[in-house]
């Protein structure tokens, strides 16, 4: 295996883990009927999107993350996927923790 292929596999696994982690809050918020920030909101990432947009964004993240994580096989890839997922969880907690989401159900 070439070094480039190994590095690309680790990066893809890490990105796959991050996308899978990002799928969780959007899918859960959408399924519970709550508004939550997405890139489609105004302003992007801050405004609240309707539940259907969140489910769509969550499913898109799940599909992309699953496609990338599907290639995970080596211990390095598994570690990268886990690290990407955990890192994204902390990033999301920090980011969304700083937003005022008190109007979760407003405008429904």
PDB file of N, CA and C in Angstrom:
ATOM      1  N   UNK A   1       0.853  -1.178   0.000  1.00  0.00           N
ATOM      2  CA  UNK A   1       0.000   0.000   0.000  1.00  0.00           C
ATOM      3  C   UNK A   1       0.897   1.239   0.000  1.00  0.00           C
ATOM      4  N   UNK A   2       0.591   2.174  -0.868  1.00  0.00           N
ATOM      5  CA  UNK A   2       1.398   3.385  -0.923  1.00  0.00           C
ATOM      6  C   UNK A   2       1.057   4.307   0.240  1.00  0.00           C
ATOM      7  N   UNK A   3       1.985   5.183   0.550  1.00  0.00           N
ATOM      8  CA  UNK A   3       1.782   6.128   1.650  1.00  0.00           C
ATOM      9  C   UNK A   3       0.593   7.032   1.348  1.00  0.00           C
ATOM     10  N   UNK A   4       0.484   7.498   0.107  1.00  0.00           N
ATOM     11  CA  UNK A   4      -0.626   8.383  -0.266  1.00  0.00           C
ATOM     12  C   UNK A   4      -1.971   7.691  -0.068  1.00  0.00           C
ATOM     13  N   UNK A   5      -2.054   6.441  -0.471  1.00  0.00           N
ATOM     14  CA  UNK A   5      -3.310   5.698  -0.309  1.00  0.00           C
ATOM     15  C   UNK A   5      -3.639   5.501   1.173  1.00  0.00           C
ATOM     16  N   UNK A   6      -2.625   5.236   1.983  1.00  0.00           N
ATOM     17  CA  UNK A   6      -2.840   5.049   3.417  1.00  0.00           C
ATOM     18  C   UNK A   6      -3.310   6.353   4.067  1.00  0.00           C
ATOM     19  N   UNK A   7      -2.668   7.459   3.712  1.00  0.00           N
ATOM     20  CA  UNK A   7      -3.054   8.762   4.265  1.00  0.00           C
ATOM     21  C   UNK A   7      -4.468   9.127   3.828  1.00  0.00           C
ATOM     22  N   UNK A   8      -4.786   8.886   2.567  1.00  0.00           N
ATOM     23  CA  UNK A   8      -6.133   9.189   2.070  1.00  0.00           C
ATOM     24  C   UNK A   8      -7.177   8.353   2.788  1.00  0.00           C
ATOM     25  N   UNK A   9      -6.860   7.104   3.067  1.00  0.00           N
ATOM     26  CA  UNK A   9      -7.791   6.243   3.797  1.00  0.00           C
ATOM     27  C   UNK A   9      -8.042   6.729   5.208  1.00  0.00           C
ATOM     28  N   UNK A  10      -6.989   7.186   5.875  1.00  0.00           N
ATOM     29  CA  UNK A  10      -7.137   7.703   7.242  1.00  0.00           C
ATOM     30  C   UNK A  10      -7.969   8.982   7.233  1.00  0.00           C
ATOM     31  N   UNK A  11      -7.711   9.868   6.272  1.00  0.00           N
ATOM     32  CA  UNK A  11      -8.485  11.116   6.170  1.00  0.00           C
ATOM     33  C   UNK A  11      -9.948  10.811   5.878  1.00  0.00           C
ATOM     34  N   UNK A  12     -10.203   9.897   4.943  1.00  0.00           N
ATOM     35  CA  UNK A  12     -11.584   9.534   4.607  1.00  0.00           C
ATOM     36  C   UNK A  12     -12.297   8.926   5.810  1.00  0.00           C
ATOM     37  N   UNK A  13     -11.600   8.099   6.561  1.00  0.00           N
ATOM     38  CA  UNK A  13     -12.209   7.488   7.749  1.00  0.00           C
ATOM     39  C   UNK A  13     -12.534   8.547   8.794  1.00  0.00           C
ATOM     40  N   UNK A  14     -11.620   9.485   9.014  1.00  0.00           N
ATOM     41  CA  UNK A  14     -11.866  10.565   9.973  1.00  0.00           C
ATOM     42  C   UNK A  14     -13.034  11.435   9.560  1.00  0.00           C
ATOM     43  N   UNK A  15     -13.102  11.770   8.277  1.00  0.00           N
ATOM     44  CA  UNK A  15     -14.221  12.565   7.766  1.00  0.00           C
ATOM     45  C   UNK A  15     -15.522  11.783   7.874  1.00  0.00           C
ATOM     46  N   UNK A  16     -15.475  10.490   7.596  1.00  0.00           N
ATOM     47  CA  UNK A  16     -16.668   9.651   7.736  1.00  0.00           C
ATOM     48  C   UNK A  16     -17.189   9.645   9.162  1.00  0.00           C
ATOM     49  N   UNK A  17     -16.285   9.516  10.127  1.00  0.00           N
ATOM     50  CA  UNK A  17     -16.683   9.562  11.535  1.00  0.00           C
ATOM     51  C   UNK A  17     -17.293  10.899  11.907  1.00  0.00           C
ATOM     52  N   UNK A  18     -16.709  11.986  11.399  1.00  0.00           N
ATOM     53  CA  UNK A  18     -17.233  13.328  11.682  1.00  0.00           C
ATOM     54  C   UNK A  18     -18.633  13.505  11.092  1.00  0.00           C
ATOM     55  N   UNK A  19     -18.839  13.041   9.868  1.00  0.00           N
ATOM     56  CA  UNK A  19     -20.159  13.160   9.235  1.00  0.00           C
ATOM     57  C   UNK A  19     -21.203  12.319   9.968  1.00  0.00           C
ATOM     58  N   UNK A  20     -20.814  11.134  10.410  1.00  0.00           N
ATOM     59  CA  UNK A  20     -21.751  10.295  11.163  1.00  0.00           C
ATOM     60  C   UNK A  20     -22.134  10.960  12.483  1.00  0.00           C
ATOM     61  N   UNK A  21     -21.167  11.593  13.138  1.00  0.00           N
ATOM     62  CA  UNK A  21     -21.470  12.304  14.386  1.00  0.00           C
ATOM     63  C   UNK A  21     -22.401  13.482  14.122  1.00  0.00           C
ATOM     64  N   UNK A  22     -22.189  14.194  13.016  1.00  0.00           N
ATOM     65  CA  UNK A  22     -23.031  15.349  12.684  1.00  0.00           C
ATOM     66  C   UNK A  22     -24.448  14.925  12.307  1.00  0.00           C
ATOM     67  N   UNK A  23     -24.611  13.703  11.839  1.00  0.00           N
ATOM     68  CA  UNK A  23     -25.945  13.221  11.463  1.00  0.00           C
ATOM     69  C   UNK A  23     -26.860  13.087  12.674  1.00  0.00           C
ATOM     70  N   UNK A  24     -26.289  12.794  13.826  1.00  0.00           N
ATOM     71  CA  UNK A  24     -27.098  12.507  15.019  1.00  0.00           C
ATOM     72  C   UNK A  24     -27.972  13.679  15.461  1.00  0.00           C
ATOM     73  N   UNK A  25     -27.406  14.870  15.755  1.00  0.00           N
ATOM     74  CA  UNK A  25     -28.280  15.934  16.271  1.00  0.00           C
ATOM     75  C   UNK A  25     -29.328  16.386  15.261  1.00  0.00           C
ATOM     76  N   UNK A  26     -28.956  16.438  13.987  1.00  0.00           N
ATOM     77  CA  UNK A  26     -29.910  16.901  12.980  1.00  0.00           C
ATOM     78  C   UNK A  26     -31.061  15.914  12.807  1.00  0.00           C
ATOM     79  N   UNK A  27     -30.742  14.638  12.752  1.00  0.00           N
ATOM     80  CA  UNK A  27     -31.790  13.630  12.595  1.00  0.00           C
ATOM     81  C   UNK A  27     -32.693  13.589  13.820  1.00  0.00           C
ATOM     82  N   UNK A  28     -32.101  13.623  15.001  1.00  0.00           N
ATOM     83  CA  UNK A  28     -32.895  13.574  16.238  1.00  0.00           C
ATOM     84  C   UNK A  28     -33.788  14.801  16.358  1.00  0.00           C
ATOM     85  N   UNK A  29     -33.235  15.993  16.139  1.00  0.00           N
ATOM     86  CA  UNK A  29     -34.044  17.216  16.235  1.00  0.00           C
ATOM     87  C   UNK A  29     -35.172  17.189  15.212  1.00  0.00           C
ATOM     88  N   UNK A  30     -34.873  16.759  13.999  1.00  0.00           N
ATOM     89  CA  UNK A  30     -35.908  16.689  12.972  1.00  0.00           C
ATOM     90  C   UNK A  30     -36.992  15.689  13.318  1.00  0.00           C
ATOM     91  N   UNK A  31     -36.601  14.529  13.828  1.00  0.00           N
ATOM     92  CA  UNK A  31     -37.576  13.492  14.170  1.00  0.00           C
ATOM     93  C   UNK A  31     -38.455  13.891  15.347  1.00  0.00           C
ATOM     94  N   UNK A  32     -37.937  14.760  16.220  1.00  0.00           N
ATOM     95  CA  UNK A  32     -38.739  15.203  17.364  1.00  0.00           C
ATOM     96  C   UNK A  32     -39.518  16.476  17.054  1.00  0.00           C
ATOM     97  N   UNK A  33     -39.442  16.930  15.801  1.00  0.00           N
ATOM     98  CA  UNK A  33     -40.222  18.086  15.376  1.00  0.00           C
ATOM     99  C   UNK A  33     -39.657  19.423  15.808  1.00  0.00           C
ATOM    100  N   UNK A  34     -38.385  19.455  16.161  1.00  0.00           N
ATOM    101  CA  UNK A  34     -37.774  20.702  16.618  1.00  0.00           C
ATOM    102  C   UNK A  34     -36.982  21.373  15.502  1.00  0.00           C
ATOM    103  N   UNK A  35     -36.980  22.693  15.532  1.00  0.00           N
ATOM    104  CA  UNK A  35     -36.171  23.472  14.600  1.00  0.00           C
ATOM    105  C   UNK A  35     -34.742  23.491  15.137  1.00  0.00           C
ATOM    106  N   UNK A  36     -33.765  23.464  14.210  1.00  0.00           N
ATOM    107  CA  UNK A  36     -32.365  23.380  14.604  1.00  0.00           C
ATOM    108  C   UNK A  36     -31.526  23.975  13.477  1.00  0.00           C
ATOM    109  N   UNK A  37     -30.383  24.589  13.783  1.00  0.00           N
ATOM    110  CA  UNK A  37     -29.568  25.222  12.738  1.00  0.00           C
ATOM    111  C   UNK A  37     -29.027  24.223  11.715  1.00  0.00           C
ATOM    112  N   UNK A  38     -29.065  24.635  10.447  1.00  0.00           N
ATOM    113  CA  UNK A  38     -28.403  23.903   9.368  1.00  0.00           C
ATOM    114  C   UNK A  38     -27.733  24.927   8.466  1.00  0.00           C
ATOM    115  N   UNK A  39     -27.035  24.447   7.464  1.00  0.00           N
ATOM    116  CA  UNK A  39     -26.424  25.348   6.490  1.00  0.00           C
ATOM    117  C   UNK A  39     -27.468  26.014   5.600  1.00  0.00           C
ATOM    118  N   UNK A  40     -28.699  25.500   5.608  1.00  0.00           N
ATOM    119  CA  UNK A  40     -29.758  26.043   4.756  1.00  0.00           C
ATOM    120  C   UNK A  40     -30.525  27.172   5.431  1.00  0.00           C
ATOM    121  N   UNK A  41     -30.263  27.416   6.712  1.00  0.00           N
ATOM    122  CA  UNK A  41     -30.983  28.444   7.471  1.00  0.00           C
ATOM    123  C   UNK A  41     -30.439  29.827   7.115  1.00  0.00           C
ATOM    124  N   UNK A  42     -31.162  30.853   7.561  1.00  0.00           N
ATOM    125  CA  UNK A  42     -30.715  32.230   7.380  1.00  0.00           C
ATOM    126  C   UNK A  42     -30.541  32.847   8.750  1.00  0.00           C
ATOM    127  N   UNK A  43     -29.348  33.244   9.123  1.00  0.00           N
ATOM    128  CA  UNK A  43     -28.054  33.015   8.471  1.00  0.00           C
ATOM    129  C   UNK A  43     -27.619  31.550   8.613  1.00  0.00           C
ATOM    130  N   UNK A  44     -26.825  31.066   7.659  1.00  0.00           N
ATOM    131  CA  UNK A  44     -26.407  29.664   7.668  1.00  0.00           C
ATOM    132  C   UNK A  44     -25.708  29.265   8.966  1.00  0.00           C
ATOM    133  N   UNK A  45     -26.133  28.141   9.511  1.00  0.00           N
ATOM    134  CA  UNK A  45     -25.520  27.615  10.719  1.00  0.00           C
ATOM    135  C   UNK A  45     -25.955  28.289  12.001  1.00  0.00           C
ATOM    136  N   UNK A  46     -26.789  29.331  11.895  1.00  0.00           N
ATOM    137  CA  UNK A  46     -27.245  30.058  13.076  1.00  0.00           C
ATOM    138  C   UNK A  46     -28.766  30.075  13.146  1.00  0.00           C
ATOM    139  N   UNK A  47     -29.412  30.412  12.018  1.00  0.00           N
ATOM    140  CA  UNK A  47     -30.871  30.415  11.975  1.00  0.00           C
ATOM    141  C   UNK A  47     -31.414  29.008  12.140  1.00  0.00           C
ATOM    142  N   UNK A  48     -32.676  28.924  12.512  1.00  0.00           N
ATOM    143  CA  UNK A  48     -33.285  27.615  12.759  1.00  0.00           C
ATOM    144  C   UNK A  48     -33.991  27.101  11.511  1.00  0.00           C
ATOM    145  N   UNK A  49     -33.671  25.887  11.112  1.00  0.00           N
ATOM    146  CA  UNK A  49     -34.302  25.241   9.962  1.00  0.00           C
ATOM    147  C   UNK A  49     -35.456  24.376  10.425  1.00  0.00           C
ATOM    148  N   UNK A  50     -36.447  24.177   9.549  1.00  0.00           N
ATOM    149  CA  UNK A  50     -37.571  23.314   9.909  1.00  0.00           C
ATOM    150  C   UNK A  50     -37.125  21.858  10.101  1.00  0.00           C
ATOM    151  N   UNK A  51     -37.944  21.085  10.809  1.00  0.00           N
ATOM    152  CA  UNK A  51     -37.601  19.683  11.072  1.00  0.00           C
ATOM    153  C   UNK A  51     -37.281  18.869   9.816  1.00  0.00           C
ATOM    154  N   UNK A  52     -38.030  19.067   8.733  1.00  0.00           N
ATOM    155  CA  UNK A  52     -37.765  18.283   7.518  1.00  0.00           C
ATOM    156  C   UNK A  52     -36.380  18.569   6.946  1.00  0.00           C
ATOM    157  N   UNK A  53     -35.936  19.821   7.015  1.00  0.00           N
ATOM    158  CA  UNK A  53     -34.588  20.146   6.538  1.00  0.00           C
ATOM    159  C   UNK A  53     -33.541  19.440   7.392  1.00  0.00           C
ATOM    160  N   UNK A  54     -33.806  19.361   8.687  1.00  0.00           N
ATOM    161  CA  UNK A  54     -32.858  18.693   9.572  1.00  0.00           C
ATOM    162  C   UNK A  54     -32.793  17.198   9.310  1.00  0.00           C
ATOM    163  N   UNK A  55     -33.930  16.575   9.075  1.00  0.00           N
ATOM    164  CA  UNK A  55     -33.917  15.146   8.744  1.00  0.00           C
ATOM    165  C   UNK A  55     -33.161  14.931   7.434  1.00  0.00           C
ATOM    166  N   UNK A  56     -33.420  15.786   6.438  1.00  0.00           N
ATOM    167  CA  UNK A  56     -32.725  15.662   5.152  1.00  0.00           C
ATOM    168  C   UNK A  56     -31.214  15.829   5.328  1.00  0.00           C
ATOM    169  N   UNK A  57     -30.804  16.832   6.108  1.00  0.00           N
ATOM    170  CA  UNK A  57     -29.380  17.069   6.348  1.00  0.00           C
ATOM    171  C   UNK A  57     -28.764  15.895   7.111  1.00  0.00           C
ATOM    172  N   UNK A  58     -29.491  15.374   8.093  1.00  0.00           N
ATOM    173  CA  UNK A  58     -29.003  14.230   8.855  1.00  0.00           C
ATOM    174  C   UNK A  58     -28.840  12.993   7.987  1.00  0.00           C
ATOM    175  N   UNK A  59     -29.810  12.739   7.120  1.00  0.00           N
ATOM    176  CA  UNK A  59     -29.741  11.574   6.230  1.00  0.00           C
ATOM    177  C   UNK A  59     -28.600  11.733   5.227  1.00  0.00           C
ATOM    178  N   UNK A  60     -28.405  12.947   4.719  1.00  0.00           N
ATOM    179  CA  UNK A  60     -27.297  13.201   3.798  1.00  0.00           C
ATOM    180  C   UNK A  60     -25.951  12.948   4.492  1.00  0.00           C
ATOM    181  N   UNK A  61     -25.814  13.440   5.721  1.00  0.00           N
ATOM    182  CA  UNK A  61     -24.588  13.181   6.491  1.00  0.00           C
ATOM    183  C   UNK A  61     -24.407  11.691   6.761  1.00  0.00           C
ATOM    184  N   UNK A  62     -25.497  11.016   7.073  1.00  0.00           N
ATOM    185  CA  UNK A  62     -25.445   9.580   7.342  1.00  0.00           C
ATOM    186  C   UNK A  62     -24.995   8.809   6.101  1.00  0.00           C
ATOM    187  N   UNK A  63     -25.543   9.165   4.943  1.00  0.00           N
ATOM    188  CA  UNK A  63     -25.174   8.483   3.700  1.00  0.00           C
ATOM    189  C   UNK A  63     -23.711   8.739   3.335  1.00  0.00           C
ATOM    190  N   UNK A  64     -23.293  10.000   3.401  1.00  0.00           N
ATOM    191  CA  UNK A  64     -21.907  10.338   3.050  1.00  0.00           C
ATOM    192  C   UNK A  64     -20.931   9.740   4.062  1.00  0.00           C
ATOM    193  N   UNK A  65     -21.248   9.859   5.345  1.00  0.00           N
ATOM    194  CA  UNK A  65     -20.381   9.295   6.380  1.00  0.00           C
ATOM    195  C   UNK A  65     -20.306   7.787   6.289  1.00  0.00           C
ATOM    196  N   UNK A  66     -21.441   7.155   6.012  1.00  0.00           N
ATOM    197  CA  UNK A  66     -21.465   5.704   5.858  1.00  0.00           C
ATOM    198  C   UNK A  66     -20.658   5.241   4.666  1.00  0.00           C
ATOM    199  N   UNK A  67     -20.744   5.993   3.559  1.00  0.00           N
ATOM    200  CA  UNK A  67     -19.976   5.638   2.365  1.00  0.00           C
ATOM    201  C   UNK A  67     -18.474   5.741   2.634  1.00  0.00           C
ATOM    202  N   UNK A  68     -18.076   6.784   3.358  1.00  0.00           N
ATOM    203  CA  UNK A  68     -16.653   6.940   3.676  1.00  0.00           C
ATOM    204  C   UNK A  68     -16.196   5.920   4.718  1.00  0.00           C
ATOM    205  N   UNK A  69     -17.007   5.692   5.721  1.00  0.00           N
ATOM    206  CA  UNK A  69     -16.633   4.771   6.799  1.00  0.00           C
ATOM    207  C   UNK A  69     -16.699   3.312   6.355  1.00  0.00           C
ATOM    208  N   UNK A  70     -17.392   3.043   5.275  1.00  0.00           N
ATOM    209  CA  UNK A  70     -17.515   1.676   4.771  1.00  0.00           C
ATOM    210  C   UNK A  70     -16.151   1.077   4.433  1.00  0.00           C
ATOM    211  N   UNK A  71     -15.216   1.935   4.084  1.00  0.00           N
ATOM    212  CA  UNK A  71     -13.884   1.474   3.699  1.00  0.00           C
ATOM    213  C   UNK A  71     -12.976   1.230   4.901  1.00  0.00           C
ATOM    214  N   UNK A  72     -13.468   1.538   6.105  1.00  0.00           N
ATOM    215  CA  UNK A  72     -12.644   1.394   7.308  1.00  0.00           C
ATOM    216  C   UNK A  72     -12.348  -0.081   7.543  1.00  0.00           C
ATOM    217  N   UNK A  73     -11.083  -0.408   7.640  1.00  0.00           N
ATOM    218  CA  UNK A  73     -10.726  -1.800   7.860  1.00  0.00           C
ATOM    219  C   UNK A  73      -9.538  -1.958   8.781  1.00  0.00           C
ATOM    220  N   UNK A  74      -8.527  -1.137   8.576  1.00  0.00           N
ATOM    221  CA  UNK A  74      -7.314  -1.273   9.383  1.00  0.00           C
ATOM    222  C   UNK A  74      -7.501  -0.602  10.744  1.00  0.00           C
ATOM    223  N   UNK A  75      -6.691  -0.979  11.708  1.00  0.00           N
ATOM    224  CA  UNK A  75      -6.767  -0.318  13.021  1.00  0.00           C
ATOM    225  C   UNK A  75      -6.550   1.195  12.935  1.00  0.00           C
ATOM    226  N   UNK A  76      -5.672   1.637  12.024  1.00  0.00           N
ATOM    227  CA  UNK A  76      -5.455   3.081  11.847  1.00  0.00           C
ATOM    228  C   UNK A  76      -6.731   3.760  11.360  1.00  0.00           C
ATOM    229  N   UNK A  77      -7.422   3.120  10.426  1.00  0.00           N
ATOM    230  CA  UNK A  77      -8.666   3.687   9.900  1.00  0.00           C
ATOM    231  C   UNK A  77      -9.741   3.743  10.979  1.00  0.00           C
ATOM    232  N   UNK A  78      -9.844   2.681  11.768  1.00  0.00           N
ATOM    233  CA  UNK A  78     -10.839   2.668  12.855  1.00  0.00           C
ATOM    234  C   UNK A  78     -10.537   3.758  13.878  1.00  0.00           C
ATOM    235  N   UNK A  79      -9.264   3.927  14.196  1.00  0.00           N
ATOM    236  CA  UNK A  79      -8.873   4.984  15.141  1.00  0.00           C
ATOM    237  C   UNK A  79      -9.182   6.363  14.561  1.00  0.00           C
ATOM    238  N   UNK A  80      -8.948   6.538  13.264  1.00  0.00           N
ATOM    239  CA  UNK A  80      -9.235   7.822  12.621  1.00  0.00           C
ATOM    240  C   UNK A  80     -10.733   8.098  12.604  1.00  0.00           C
ATOM    241  N   UNK A  81     -11.540   7.075  12.324  1.00  0.00           N
ATOM    242  CA  UNK A  81     -12.997   7.252  12.315  1.00  0.00           C
ATOM    243  C   UNK A  81     -13.504   7.612  13.707  1.00  0.00           C
ATOM    244  N   UNK A  82     -13.003   6.924  14.713  1.00  0.00           N
ATOM    245  CA  UNK A  82     -13.417   7.222  16.090  1.00  0.00           C
ATOM    246  C   UNK A  82     -12.963   8.618  16.499  1.00  0.00           C
ATOM    247  N   UNK A  83     -11.736   8.970  16.150  1.00  0.00           N
ATOM    248  CA  UNK A  83     -11.216  10.297  16.479  1.00  0.00           C
ATOM    249  C   UNK A  83     -12.017  11.383  15.775  1.00  0.00           C
ATOM    250  N   UNK A  84     -12.341  11.171  14.501  1.00  0.00           N
ATOM    251  CA  UNK A  84     -13.152  12.143  13.760  1.00  0.00           C
ATOM    252  C   UNK A  84     -14.525  12.317  14.375  1.00  0.00           C
ATOM    253  N   UNK A  85     -15.137  11.221  14.783  1.00  0.00           N
ATOM    254  CA  UNK A  85     -16.464  11.288  15.401  1.00  0.00           C
ATOM    255  C   UNK A  85     -16.447  11.991  16.742  1.00  0.00           C
ATOM    256  N   UNK A  86     -15.472  11.659  17.572  1.00  0.00           N
ATOM    257  CA  UNK A  86     -15.370  12.287  18.897  1.00  0.00           C
ATOM    258  C   UNK A  86     -15.020  13.767  18.755  1.00  0.00           C
ATOM    259  N   UNK A  87     -14.089  14.083  17.857  1.00  0.00           N
ATOM    260  CA  UNK A  87     -13.718  15.487  17.648  1.00  0.00           C
ATOM    261  C   UNK A  87     -14.921  16.299  17.181  1.00  0.00           C
ATOM    262  N   UNK A  88     -15.693  15.751  16.243  1.00  0.00           N
ATOM    263  CA  UNK A  88     -16.876  16.457  15.754  1.00  0.00           C
ATOM    264  C   UNK A  88     -17.897  16.626  16.866  1.00  0.00           C
ATOM    265  N   UNK A  89     -18.045  15.636  17.727  1.00  0.00           N
ATOM    266  CA  UNK A  89     -18.985  15.757  18.846  1.00  0.00           C
ATOM    267  C   UNK A  89     -18.610  16.933  19.744  1.00  0.00           C
ATOM    268  N   UNK A  90     -17.322  17.090  20.032  1.00  0.00           N
ATOM    269  CA  UNK A  90     -16.882  18.217  20.861  1.00  0.00           C
ATOM    270  C   UNK A  90     -17.062  19.551  20.139  1.00  0.00           C
ATOM    271  N   UNK A  91     -16.748  19.581  18.846  1.00  0.00           N
ATOM    272  CA  UNK A  91     -16.925  20.812  18.067  1.00  0.00           C
ATOM    273  C   UNK A  91     -18.394  21.215  18.046  1.00  0.00           C
ATOM    274  N   UNK A  92     -19.284  20.256  17.800  1.00  0.00           N
ATOM    275  CA  UNK A  92     -20.720  20.553  17.764  1.00  0.00           C
ATOM    276  C   UNK A  92     -21.229  21.004  19.126  1.00  0.00           C
ATOM    277  N   UNK A  93     -20.771  20.363  20.191  1.00  0.00           N
ATOM    278  CA  UNK A  93     -21.194  20.759  21.537  1.00  0.00           C
ATOM    279  C   UNK A  93     -20.761  22.189  21.832  1.00  0.00           C
ATOM    280  N   UNK A  94     -19.550  22.532  21.458  1.00  0.00           N
ATOM    281  CA  UNK A  94     -19.049  23.890  21.683  1.00  0.00           C
ATOM    282  C   UNK A  94     -19.829  24.898  20.837  1.00  0.00           C
ATOM    283  N   UNK A  95     -20.017  24.578  19.553  1.00  0.00           N
ATOM    284  CA  UNK A  95     -20.691  25.512  18.646  1.00  0.00           C
ATOM    285  C   UNK A  95     -22.154  25.715  19.036  1.00  0.00           C
ATOM    286  N   UNK A  96     -22.909  24.633  19.131  1.00  0.00           N
ATOM    287  CA  UNK A  96     -24.336  24.753  19.428  1.00  0.00           C
ATOM    288  C   UNK A  96     -24.580  25.219  20.858  1.00  0.00           C
ATOM    289  N   UNK A  97     -23.647  24.958  21.761  1.00  0.00           N
ATOM    290  CA  UNK A  97     -23.763  25.450  23.129  1.00  0.00           C
ATOM    291  C   UNK A  97     -23.694  26.964  23.208  1.00  0.00           C
ATOM    292  N   UNK A  98     -23.068  27.587  22.210  1.00  0.00           N
ATOM    293  CA  UNK A  98     -22.953  29.038  22.175  1.00  0.00           C
ATOM    294  C   UNK A  98     -24.104  29.738  21.485  1.00  0.00           C
ATOM    295  N   UNK A  99     -25.023  28.986  20.898  1.00  0.00           N
ATOM    296  CA  UNK A  99     -26.167  29.577  20.199  1.00  0.00           C
ATOM    297  C   UNK A  99     -27.370  29.660  21.122  1.00  0.00           C
ATOM    298  N   UNK A 100     -28.219  30.642  20.878  1.00  0.00           N
ATOM    299  CA  UNK A 100     -29.484  30.751  21.610  1.00  0.00           C
ATOM    300  C   UNK A 100     -30.524  29.949  20.839  1.00  0.00           C
ATOM    301  N   UNK A 101     -30.801  28.758  21.297  1.00  0.00           N
ATOM    302  CA  UNK A 101     -31.772  27.883  20.636  1.00  0.00           C
ATOM    303  C   UNK A 101     -33.085  27.848  21.399  1.00  0.00           C
ATOM    304  N   UNK A 102     -33.354  28.884  22.185  1.00  0.00           N
ATOM    305  CA  UNK A 102     -34.558  28.900  23.021  1.00  0.00           C
ATOM    306  C   UNK A 102     -35.836  28.891  22.201  1.00  0.00           C
ATOM    307  N   UNK A 103     -35.776  29.267  20.943  1.00  0.00           N
ATOM    308  CA  UNK A 103     -36.968  29.272  20.092  1.00  0.00           C
ATOM    309  C   UNK A 103     -37.085  28.022  19.261  1.00  0.00           C
ATOM    310  N   UNK A 104     -36.657  26.866  19.806  1.00  0.00           N
ATOM    311  CA  UNK A 104     -36.663  25.607  19.052  1.00  0.00           C
ATOM    312  C   UNK A 104     -37.981  25.337  18.339  1.00  0.00           C
ATOM    313  N   UNK A 105     -39.080  25.596  18.999  1.00  0.00           N
ATOM    314  CA  UNK A 105     -40.366  25.251  18.411  1.00  0.00           C
ATOM    315  C   UNK A 105     -41.094  26.475  17.854  1.00  0.00           C
ATOM    316  N   UNK A 106     -40.442  27.608  17.857  1.00  0.00           N
ATOM    317  CA  UNK A 106     -41.066  28.833  17.345  1.00  0.00           C
ATOM    318  C   UNK A 106     -41.266  28.740  15.838  1.00  0.00           C
ATOM    319  N   UNK A 107     -42.343  29.263  15.368  1.00  0.00           N
ATOM    320  CA  UNK A 107     -42.595  29.330  13.932  1.00  0.00           C
ATOM    321  C   UNK A 107     -43.083  28.057  13.300  1.00  0.00           C
ATOM    322  N   UNK A 108     -43.497  27.080  14.093  1.00  0.00           N
ATOM    323  CA  UNK A 108     -43.976  25.823  13.510  1.00  0.00           C
ATOM    324  C   UNK A 108     -45.403  25.915  13.106  1.00  0.00           C
TER     325      UNK A 108
END
